[in-house]
Amino acid sequence: MTKLEEFYDWDAILDGLNKYLRIRATPIGMKLFETKEEMEAVEKIRRPNSIHTADQIVAQAARLGWTVGVTAEDFVGAQCGAVMGLHPQDAEWQEGARYAGVWYETPEDARKHQAAMTVVPSGQFTAMAVSPLASKRLNPPDICLIYATPAQMIIFINGLQWAGYKKLDFSVVGESSCADSWGRALSTGEPSLSLPCFAERRYGGVLEDELLMAIPPAYLPKVVEGLAALSKNGLRYPIPQYGIQNDVRAGMGVSYSSKSK
């Protein structure tokens, strides 16, 4: 067992996320591999026997609990592989011709969309795998993917910001919003929140009340520690409704009295 494998106490992390957020979708990990052979060496890895989108592969881990590995050849088109650096971001990809007249009015709009996407540079990786964090088969994953409702997600972010506060900025590229989540997190190493797009919801099983956080695993112990501190202060999920006509001073007094001392 490597030092990295010893570092993450996945049982404690998952217990904390479930305790403080009651997450319903399975938290999963995603890992890139330089060779297909490395990916296929992952314990109990499944390989697709038909063509999919990346959204479907991610969903098979998050909704079915599978460990699944893919290469660019398993995807329906270049877009899925290019986001993860498995397919070259070549001139044809940059044109985004298939999106003109569908998602964007003109070919120029489509080109601008492609240029706006945050992607992993191609050339280093040829395969990817996803797996539930609880399985510990990708240990450690490059990033973790957590689906949550808006209320759960803001508490998650509050936990992340509890100590060593930092303003978080996220992006919205529109369709192909996997570039805002796993593309951005893989390429920048930063927590990356996204509004899952039409394709993620149609093909990837993402529910209409879910957001997606893609985050390197090193942040998760800090999140759980922050959630525990917030819970101690009475700032918990689910967020109870106070009432839109009640005198607010009683509720605010409980939340803020002596907390800053």
C-alpha atoms as a PDB file:
ATOM      1  CA  MET A   1       0.000   0.000   0.000  1.00  0.00           C
ATOM      2  CA  THR A   2       1.398   3.407  -1.008  1.00  0.00           C
ATOM      3  CA  LYS A   3       1.502   6.526   1.097  1.00  0.00           C
ATOM      4  CA  LEU A   4      -1.286   8.008  -1.049  1.00  0.00           C
ATOM      5  CA  GLU A   5      -3.463   4.970  -0.441  1.00  0.00           C
ATOM      6  CA  GLU A   6      -2.869   5.277   3.299  1.00  0.00           C
ATOM      7  CA  PHE A   7      -3.708   8.971   3.290  1.00  0.00           C
ATOM      8  CA  TYR A   8      -7.397   8.752   2.387  1.00  0.00           C
ATOM      9  CA  ASP A   9      -9.677   7.174   4.949  1.00  0.00           C
ATOM     10  CA  TRP A  10     -12.515   6.569   2.509  1.00  0.00           C
ATOM     11  CA  ASP A  11     -14.765   5.029   5.132  1.00  0.00           C
ATOM     12  CA  ALA A  12     -14.518   8.140   7.302  1.00  0.00           C
ATOM     13  CA  ILE A  13     -14.949  10.483   4.351  1.00  0.00           C
ATOM     14  CA  LEU A  14     -18.036   8.695   3.061  1.00  0.00           C
ATOM     15  CA  ASP A  15     -19.495   8.342   6.550  1.00  0.00           C
ATOM     16  CA  GLY A  16     -19.090  12.091   6.990  1.00  0.00           C
ATOM     17  CA  LEU A  17     -20.684  12.986   3.650  1.00  0.00           C
ATOM     18  CA  ASN A  18     -23.609  10.677   4.348  1.00  0.00           C
ATOM     19  CA  LYS A  19     -23.999  11.863   7.938  1.00  0.00           C
ATOM     20  CA  TYR A  20     -23.986  15.567   7.178  1.00  0.00           C
ATOM     21  CA  LEU A  21     -25.477  15.682   3.659  1.00  0.00           C
ATOM     22  CA  ARG A  22     -27.484  12.450   3.200  1.00  0.00           C
ATOM     23  CA  ILE A  23     -26.299  12.142  -0.386  1.00  0.00           C
ATOM     24  CA  ARG A  24     -28.443   9.747  -2.423  1.00  0.00           C
ATOM     25  CA  ALA A  25     -26.211   9.165  -5.487  1.00  0.00           C
ATOM     26  CA  THR A  26     -23.086   7.088  -4.946  1.00  0.00           C
ATOM     27  CA  PRO A  27     -19.947   9.287  -4.690  1.00  0.00           C
ATOM     28  CA  ILE A  28     -17.501   8.055  -7.304  1.00  0.00           C
ATOM     29  CA  GLY A  29     -13.925   8.525  -8.412  1.00  0.00           C
ATOM     30  CA  MET A  30     -12.503   9.090 -11.888  1.00  0.00           C
ATOM     31  CA  LYS A  31      -8.943   8.263 -12.917  1.00  0.00           C
ATOM     32  CA  LEU A  32      -7.013   8.724 -16.166  1.00  0.00           C
ATOM     33  CA  PHE A  33      -4.491   6.152 -17.367  1.00  0.00           C
ATOM     34  CA  GLU A  34      -1.641   6.433 -19.832  1.00  0.00           C
ATOM     35  CA  THR A  35      -2.304   2.957 -21.225  1.00  0.00           C
ATOM     36  CA  LYS A  36      -5.351   0.761 -21.733  1.00  0.00           C
ATOM     37  CA  GLU A  37      -3.509  -2.063 -19.971  1.00  0.00           C
ATOM     38  CA  GLU A  38      -3.196  -0.011 -16.772  1.00  0.00           C
ATOM     39  CA  MET A  39      -6.919   0.700 -16.831  1.00  0.00           C
ATOM     40  CA  GLU A  40      -7.806  -2.918 -17.499  1.00  0.00           C
ATOM     41  CA  ALA A  41      -5.689  -4.002 -14.521  1.00  0.00           C
ATOM     42  CA  VAL A  42      -8.112  -2.289 -12.106  1.00  0.00           C
ATOM     43  CA  GLU A  43      -9.882  -4.815  -9.913  1.00  0.00           C
ATOM     44  CA  LYS A  44     -13.269  -5.975 -11.264  1.00  0.00           C
ATOM     45  CA  ILE A  45     -13.168  -3.492 -14.131  1.00  0.00           C
ATOM     46  CA  ARG A  46     -15.998  -3.694 -16.650  1.00  0.00           C
ATOM     47  CA  ARG A  47     -15.559  -2.787 -20.298  1.00  0.00           C
ATOM     48  CA  PRO A  48     -18.483  -1.596 -22.423  1.00  0.00           C
ATOM     49  CA  ASN A  49     -19.720  -3.879 -25.174  1.00  0.00           C
ATOM     50  CA  SER A  50     -21.493  -1.070 -27.039  1.00  0.00           C
ATOM     51  CA  ILE A  51     -21.071   2.638 -27.778  1.00  0.00           C
ATOM     52  CA  HIS A  52     -21.823   5.161 -25.014  1.00  0.00           C
ATOM     53  CA  THR A  53     -21.429   8.756 -23.960  1.00  0.00           C
ATOM     54  CA  ALA A  54     -19.090   9.575 -21.097  1.00  0.00           C
ATOM     55  CA  ASP A  55     -22.202  10.606 -19.152  1.00  0.00           C
ATOM     56  CA  GLN A  56     -23.507   7.037 -19.358  1.00  0.00           C
ATOM     57  CA  ILE A  57     -20.211   5.574 -18.170  1.00  0.00           C
ATOM     58  CA  VAL A  58     -20.126   7.938 -15.190  1.00  0.00           C
ATOM     59  CA  ALA A  59     -23.741   7.062 -14.423  1.00  0.00           C
ATOM     60  CA  GLN A  60     -22.986   3.337 -14.408  1.00  0.00           C
ATOM     61  CA  ALA A  61     -20.658   4.009 -11.477  1.00  0.00           C
ATOM     62  CA  ALA A  62     -22.840   6.583  -9.675  1.00  0.00           C
ATOM     63  CA  ARG A  63     -26.209   4.866 -10.158  1.00  0.00           C
ATOM     64  CA  LEU A  64     -25.322   1.169 -10.495  1.00  0.00           C
ATOM     65  CA  GLY A  65     -22.156   0.953  -8.401  1.00  0.00           C
ATOM     66  CA  TRP A  66     -20.055  -0.461 -11.248  1.00  0.00           C
ATOM     67  CA  THR A  67     -16.358  -0.007 -11.911  1.00  0.00           C
ATOM     68  CA  VAL A  68     -16.075   0.799 -15.619  1.00  0.00           C
ATOM     69  CA  GLY A  69     -13.138   1.558 -17.887  1.00  0.00           C
ATOM     70  CA  VAL A  70     -13.138   3.126 -21.344  1.00  0.00           C
ATOM     71  CA  THR A  71     -10.985   4.404 -24.169  1.00  0.00           C
ATOM     72  CA  ALA A  72     -11.923   6.976 -26.814  1.00  0.00           C
ATOM     73  CA  GLU A  73     -13.155   4.188 -29.090  1.00  0.00           C
ATOM     74  CA  ASP A  74     -15.977   3.423 -26.651  1.00  0.00           C
ATOM     75  CA  PHE A  75     -17.524   6.889 -27.064  1.00  0.00           C
ATOM     76  CA  VAL A  76     -20.114   7.967 -29.607  1.00  0.00           C
ATOM     77  CA  GLY A  77     -18.066  10.953 -30.808  1.00  0.00           C
ATOM     78  CA  ALA A  78     -14.984  13.043 -30.234  1.00  0.00           C
ATOM     79  CA  GLN A  79     -16.486  15.379 -27.633  1.00  0.00           C
ATOM     80  CA  CYS A  80     -16.505  12.945 -24.702  1.00  0.00           C
ATOM     81  CA  GLY A  81     -12.955  11.773 -25.227  1.00  0.00           C
ATOM     82  CA  ALA A  82     -11.598  15.252 -25.937  1.00  0.00           C
ATOM     83  CA  VAL A  83     -12.815  16.624 -22.596  1.00  0.00           C
ATOM     84  CA  MET A  84     -10.653  14.046 -20.792  1.00  0.00           C
ATOM     85  CA  GLY A  85      -7.718  14.289 -23.184  1.00  0.00           C
ATOM     86  CA  LEU A  86      -8.377  10.850 -24.686  1.00  0.00           C
ATOM     87  CA  HIS A  87      -9.100  12.308 -28.122  1.00  0.00           C
ATOM     88  CA  PRO A  88      -7.058  15.050 -29.797  1.00  0.00           C
ATOM     89  CA  GLN A  89      -8.488  18.556 -29.700  1.00  0.00           C
ATOM     90  CA  ASP A  90      -7.694  18.845 -33.413  1.00  0.00           C
ATOM     91  CA  ALA A  91      -8.980  21.272 -36.056  1.00  0.00           C
ATOM     92  CA  GLU A  92     -12.092  19.204 -36.722  1.00  0.00           C
ATOM     93  CA  TRP A  93     -12.942  19.087 -33.019  1.00  0.00           C
ATOM     94  CA  GLN A  94     -12.338  22.814 -32.666  1.00  0.00           C
ATOM     95  CA  GLU A  95     -14.843  23.520 -35.439  1.00  0.00           C
ATOM     96  CA  GLY A  96     -17.658  21.816 -33.500  1.00  0.00           C
ATOM     97  CA  ALA A  97     -19.624  21.543 -36.749  1.00  0.00           C
ATOM     98  CA  ARG A  98     -22.161  19.059 -35.364  1.00  0.00           C
ATOM     99  CA  TYR A  99     -23.318  21.664 -32.819  1.00  0.00           C
ATOM    100  CA  ALA A 100     -23.940  24.490 -35.315  1.00  0.00           C
ATOM    101  CA  GLY A 101     -27.661  24.882 -35.911  1.00  0.00           C
ATOM    102  CA  VAL A 102     -28.409  22.477 -33.059  1.00  0.00           C
ATOM    103  CA  TRP A 103     -27.113  24.131 -29.889  1.00  0.00           C
ATOM    104  CA  TYR A 104     -25.620  27.283 -31.423  1.00  0.00           C
ATOM    105  CA  GLU A 105     -26.951  29.521 -34.133  1.00  0.00           C
ATOM    106  CA  THR A 106     -23.878  29.784 -36.335  1.00  0.00           C
ATOM    107  CA  PRO A 107     -20.646  27.884 -37.022  1.00  0.00           C
ATOM    108  CA  GLU A 108     -18.805  30.745 -35.322  1.00  0.00           C
ATOM    109  CA  ASP A 109     -20.895  30.276 -32.169  1.00  0.00           C
ATOM    110  CA  ALA A 110     -20.047  26.573 -32.232  1.00  0.00           C
ATOM    111  CA  ARG A 111     -16.330  27.331 -32.585  1.00  0.00           C
ATOM    112  CA  LYS A 112     -16.496  29.759 -29.667  1.00  0.00           C
ATOM    113  CA  HIS A 113     -18.159  27.094 -27.539  1.00  0.00           C
ATOM    114  CA  GLN A 114     -15.436  24.567 -28.302  1.00  0.00           C
ATOM    115  CA  ALA A 115     -12.750  27.127 -27.471  1.00  0.00           C
ATOM    116  CA  ALA A 116     -14.473  27.954 -24.173  1.00  0.00           C
ATOM    117  CA  MET A 117     -14.425  24.375 -22.883  1.00  0.00           C
ATOM    118  CA  THR A 118     -11.904  23.437 -20.194  1.00  0.00           C
ATOM    119  CA  VAL A 119     -10.321  20.161 -21.270  1.00  0.00           C
ATOM    120  CA  VAL A 120      -7.388  17.923 -20.411  1.00  0.00           C
ATOM    121  CA  PRO A 121      -4.667  18.374 -23.053  1.00  0.00           C
ATOM    122  CA  SER A 122      -4.431  15.325 -25.284  1.00  0.00           C
ATOM    123  CA  GLY A 123      -1.370  13.171 -25.726  1.00  0.00           C
ATOM    124  CA  GLN A 124      -0.691  11.749 -22.269  1.00  0.00           C
ATOM    125  CA  PHE A 125      -3.740   9.605 -21.467  1.00  0.00           C
ATOM    126  CA  THR A 126      -5.512   6.912 -23.455  1.00  0.00           C
ATOM    127  CA  ALA A 127      -7.984   5.436 -20.949  1.00  0.00           C
ATOM    128  CA  MET A 128     -10.256   6.366 -18.056  1.00  0.00           C
ATOM    129  CA  ALA A 129     -12.050   4.496 -15.286  1.00  0.00           C
ATOM    130  CA  VAL A 130     -14.802   5.377 -12.834  1.00  0.00           C
ATOM    131  CA  SER A 131     -15.696   3.525  -9.655  1.00  0.00           C
ATOM    132  CA  PRO A 132     -17.556   4.088  -6.374  1.00  0.00           C
ATOM    133  CA  LEU A 133     -15.235   5.584  -3.774  1.00  0.00           C
ATOM    134  CA  ALA A 134     -16.373   2.911  -1.340  1.00  0.00           C
ATOM    135  CA  SER A 135     -14.836   0.215  -3.535  1.00  0.00           C
ATOM    136  CA  LYS A 136     -11.350   1.756  -3.118  1.00  0.00           C
ATOM    137  CA  ARG A 137     -10.377   0.396  -6.537  1.00  0.00           C
ATOM    138  CA  LEU A 138      -9.075   3.724  -7.848  1.00  0.00           C
ATOM    139  CA  ASN A 139      -6.891   4.566  -4.920  1.00  0.00           C
ATOM    140  CA  PRO A 140      -6.537   7.423  -5.198  1.00  0.00           C
ATOM    141  CA  PRO A 141      -8.751   8.679  -8.019  1.00  0.00           C
ATOM    142  CA  ASP A 142      -7.713  11.846  -9.824  1.00  0.00           C
ATOM    143  CA  ILE A 143     -11.033  13.467  -8.955  1.00  0.00           C
ATOM    144  CA  CYS A 144     -14.220  12.608  -7.086  1.00  0.00           C
ATOM    145  CA  LEU A 145     -17.701  13.232  -8.493  1.00  0.00           C
ATOM    146  CA  ILE A 146     -20.516  14.079  -6.123  1.00  0.00           C
ATOM    147  CA  TYR A 147     -24.118  14.629  -7.218  1.00  0.00           C
ATOM    148  CA  ALA A 148     -26.257  16.626  -4.805  1.00  0.00           C
ATOM    149  CA  THR A 149     -29.254  18.911  -4.627  1.00  0.00           C
ATOM    150  CA  PRO A 150     -28.651  22.685  -4.487  1.00  0.00           C
ATOM    151  CA  ALA A 151     -29.298  22.711  -0.718  1.00  0.00           C
ATOM    152  CA  GLN A 152     -26.832  19.885  -0.133  1.00  0.00           C
ATOM    153  CA  MET A 153     -24.300  21.465  -2.447  1.00  0.00           C
ATOM    154  CA  ILE A 154     -24.207  24.855  -0.748  1.00  0.00           C
ATOM    155  CA  ILE A 155     -23.648  23.164   2.621  1.00  0.00           C
ATOM    156  CA  PHE A 156     -20.884  21.079   1.001  1.00  0.00           C
ATOM    157  CA  ILE A 157     -19.273  24.303  -0.266  1.00  0.00           C
ATOM    158  CA  ASN A 158     -19.721  25.934   3.143  1.00  0.00           C
ATOM    159  CA  GLY A 159     -17.828  23.002   4.637  1.00  0.00           C
ATOM    160  CA  LEU A 160     -15.050  23.473   2.091  1.00  0.00           C
ATOM    161  CA  GLN A 161     -14.827  27.166   2.976  1.00  0.00           C
ATOM    162  CA  TRP A 162     -14.979  26.718   6.765  1.00  0.00           C
ATOM    163  CA  ALA A 163     -11.205  26.898   7.281  1.00  0.00           C
ATOM    164  CA  GLY A 164      -8.789  28.762   5.025  1.00  0.00           C
ATOM    165  CA  TYR A 165     -11.599  30.611   3.292  1.00  0.00           C
ATOM    166  CA  LYS A 166     -11.315  31.089  -0.448  1.00  0.00           C
ATOM    167  CA  LYS A 167     -13.864  32.418  -2.906  1.00  0.00           C
ATOM    168  CA  LEU A 168     -14.774  29.731  -5.427  1.00  0.00           C
ATOM    169  CA  ASP A 169     -15.424  30.557  -9.069  1.00  0.00           C
ATOM    170  CA  PHE A 170     -17.140  28.144 -11.431  1.00  0.00           C
ATOM    171  CA  SER A 171     -17.905  28.185 -15.138  1.00  0.00           C
ATOM    172  CA  VAL A 172     -20.925  27.527 -17.321  1.00  0.00           C
ATOM    173  CA  VAL A 173     -20.033  26.493 -20.855  1.00  0.00           C
ATOM    174  CA  GLY A 174     -23.596  25.388 -21.616  1.00  0.00           C
ATOM    175  CA  GLU A 175     -24.025  22.093 -23.455  1.00  0.00           C
ATOM    176  CA  SER A 176     -21.059  19.758 -22.835  1.00  0.00           C
ATOM    177  CA  SER A 177     -21.001  20.939 -19.239  1.00  0.00           C
ATOM    178  CA  CYS A 178     -18.791  17.976 -18.351  1.00  0.00           C
ATOM    179  CA  ALA A 179     -16.073  20.472 -19.329  1.00  0.00           C
ATOM    180  CA  ASP A 180     -17.179  22.534 -16.320  1.00  0.00           C
ATOM    181  CA  SER A 181     -17.019  19.542 -13.966  1.00  0.00           C
ATOM    182  CA  TRP A 182     -14.582  16.729 -14.692  1.00  0.00           C
ATOM    183  CA  GLY A 183     -12.795  18.546 -17.519  1.00  0.00           C
ATOM    184  CA  ARG A 184     -12.038  21.551 -15.339  1.00  0.00           C
ATOM    185  CA  ALA A 185     -11.220  19.571 -12.190  1.00  0.00           C
ATOM    186  CA  LEU A 186      -8.901  17.174 -14.035  1.00  0.00           C
ATOM    187  CA  SER A 187      -7.038  19.964 -15.815  1.00  0.00           C
ATOM    188  CA  THR A 188      -6.826  22.547 -13.003  1.00  0.00           C
ATOM    189  CA  GLY A 189      -6.953  20.485  -9.795  1.00  0.00           C
ATOM    190  CA  GLU A 190      -9.628  22.845  -8.442  1.00  0.00           C
ATOM    191  CA  PRO A 191     -13.120  22.098  -7.094  1.00  0.00           C
ATOM    192  CA  SER A 192     -15.445  22.460 -10.065  1.00  0.00           C
ATOM    193  CA  LEU A 193     -19.219  22.791  -9.750  1.00  0.00           C
ATOM    194  CA  SER A 194     -21.419  22.375 -12.809  1.00  0.00           C
ATOM    195  CA  LEU A 195     -25.030  22.583 -13.906  1.00  0.00           C
ATOM    196  CA  PRO A 196     -25.376  19.202 -15.662  1.00  0.00           C
ATOM    197  CA  CYS A 197     -26.418  19.718 -19.251  1.00  0.00           C
ATOM    198  CA  PHE A 198     -29.157  18.223 -21.429  1.00  0.00           C
ATOM    199  CA  ALA A 199     -26.976  15.273 -22.462  1.00  0.00           C
ATOM    200  CA  GLU A 200     -25.990  14.455 -18.878  1.00  0.00           C
ATOM    201  CA  ARG A 201     -29.636  14.392 -17.849  1.00  0.00           C
ATOM    202  CA  ARG A 202     -30.944  12.599 -20.968  1.00  0.00           C
ATOM    203  CA  TYR A 203     -28.181  10.010 -21.298  1.00  0.00           C
ATOM    204  CA  GLY A 204     -26.416  10.105 -17.933  1.00  0.00           C
ATOM    205  CA  GLY A 205     -29.402   9.721 -15.636  1.00  0.00           C
ATOM    206  CA  VAL A 206     -28.737  12.978 -13.765  1.00  0.00           C
ATOM    207  CA  LEU A 207     -31.909  14.027 -11.948  1.00  0.00           C
ATOM    208  CA  GLU A 208     -33.344  17.463 -12.595  1.00  0.00           C
ATOM    209  CA  ASP A 209     -32.680  18.653  -9.046  1.00  0.00           C
ATOM    210  CA  GLU A 210     -29.009  17.581  -9.040  1.00  0.00           C
ATOM    211  CA  LEU A 211     -25.803  19.575  -9.402  1.00  0.00           C
ATOM    212  CA  LEU A 212     -22.378  18.000  -9.860  1.00  0.00           C
ATOM    213  CA  MET A 213     -19.199  18.731  -7.932  1.00  0.00           C
ATOM    214  CA  ALA A 214     -15.945  17.406  -9.368  1.00  0.00           C
ATOM    215  CA  ILE A 215     -13.220  17.731  -6.782  1.00  0.00           C
ATOM    216  CA  PRO A 216      -9.728  16.304  -6.192  1.00  0.00           C
ATOM    217  CA  PRO A 217      -9.792  13.874  -3.252  1.00  0.00           C
ATOM    218  CA  ALA A 218      -7.365  15.918  -1.150  1.00  0.00           C
ATOM    219  CA  TYR A 219     -10.168  18.427  -0.480  1.00  0.00           C
ATOM    220  CA  LEU A 220     -12.631  15.916   0.962  1.00  0.00           C
ATOM    221  CA  PRO A 221     -11.204  15.485   4.495  1.00  0.00           C
ATOM    222  CA  LYS A 222     -11.306  19.274   4.818  1.00  0.00           C
ATOM    223  CA  VAL A 223     -14.926  19.321   3.621  1.00  0.00           C
ATOM    224  CA  VAL A 224     -15.973  16.747   6.221  1.00  0.00           C
ATOM    225  CA  GLU A 225     -14.170  18.625   8.995  1.00  0.00           C
ATOM    226  CA  GLY A 226     -15.955  21.798   7.919  1.00  0.00           C
ATOM    227  CA  LEU A 227     -19.322  20.060   7.826  1.00  0.00           C
ATOM    228  CA  ALA A 228     -18.774  18.775  11.359  1.00  0.00           C
ATOM    229  CA  ALA A 229     -17.948  22.288  12.594  1.00  0.00           C
ATOM    230  CA  LEU A 230     -20.997  23.781  10.884  1.00  0.00           C
ATOM    231  CA  SER A 231     -23.218  21.058  12.313  1.00  0.00           C
ATOM    232  CA  LYS A 232     -21.951  21.863  15.800  1.00  0.00           C
ATOM    233  CA  ASN A 233     -23.039  25.457  15.158  1.00  0.00           C
ATOM    234  CA  GLY A 234     -26.518  24.300  14.173  1.00  0.00           C
ATOM    235  CA  LEU A 235     -25.933  24.873  10.442  1.00  0.00           C
ATOM    236  CA  ARG A 236     -27.049  21.546   9.018  1.00  0.00           C
ATOM    237  CA  TYR A 237     -28.722  19.786   6.149  1.00  0.00           C
ATOM    238  CA  PRO A 238     -31.655  19.512   5.734  1.00  0.00           C
ATOM    239  CA  ILE A 239     -32.101  23.241   6.198  1.00  0.00           C
ATOM    240  CA  PRO A 240     -35.264  23.757   8.265  1.00  0.00           C
ATOM    241  CA  GLN A 241     -37.778  26.358   7.073  1.00  0.00           C
ATOM    242  CA  TYR A 242     -38.077  29.160   9.596  1.00  0.00           C
ATOM    243  CA  GLY A 243     -41.157  30.857   8.145  1.00  0.00           C
ATOM    244  CA  ILE A 244     -41.359  33.844   5.825  1.00  0.00           C
ATOM    245  CA  GLN A 245     -43.500  35.931   8.216  1.00  0.00           C
ATOM    246  CA  ASN A 246     -41.917  35.146  11.575  1.00  0.00           C
ATOM    247  CA  ASP A 247     -39.851  37.678  13.507  1.00  0.00           C
ATOM    248  CA  VAL A 248     -36.372  36.753  12.372  1.00  0.00           C
ATOM    249  CA  ARG A 249     -34.513  37.877  15.485  1.00  0.00           C
ATOM    250  CA  ALA A 250     -35.097  34.700  17.459  1.00  0.00           C
ATOM    251  CA  GLY A 251     -33.717  32.459  14.715  1.00  0.00           C
ATOM    252  CA  MET A 252     -30.770  34.726  13.947  1.00  0.00           C
ATOM    253  CA  GLY A 253     -30.006  34.968  17.631  1.00  0.00           C
ATOM    254  CA  VAL A 254     -29.614  31.208  17.879  1.00  0.00           C
ATOM    255  CA  SER A 255     -27.423  31.024  14.780  1.00  0.00           C
ATOM    256  CA  TYR A 256     -25.071  33.892  15.522  1.00  0.00           C
ATOM    257  CA  SER A 257     -25.015  34.490  19.267  1.00  0.00           C
ATOM    258  CA  SER A 258     -21.492  34.066  20.674  1.00  0.00           C
ATOM    259  CA  LYS A 259     -20.367  32.011  17.659  1.00  0.00           C
ATOM    260  CA  SER A 260     -17.618  34.456  16.724  1.00  0.00           C
ATOM    261  CA  LYS A 261     -16.159  34.665  20.211  1.00  0.00           C
END
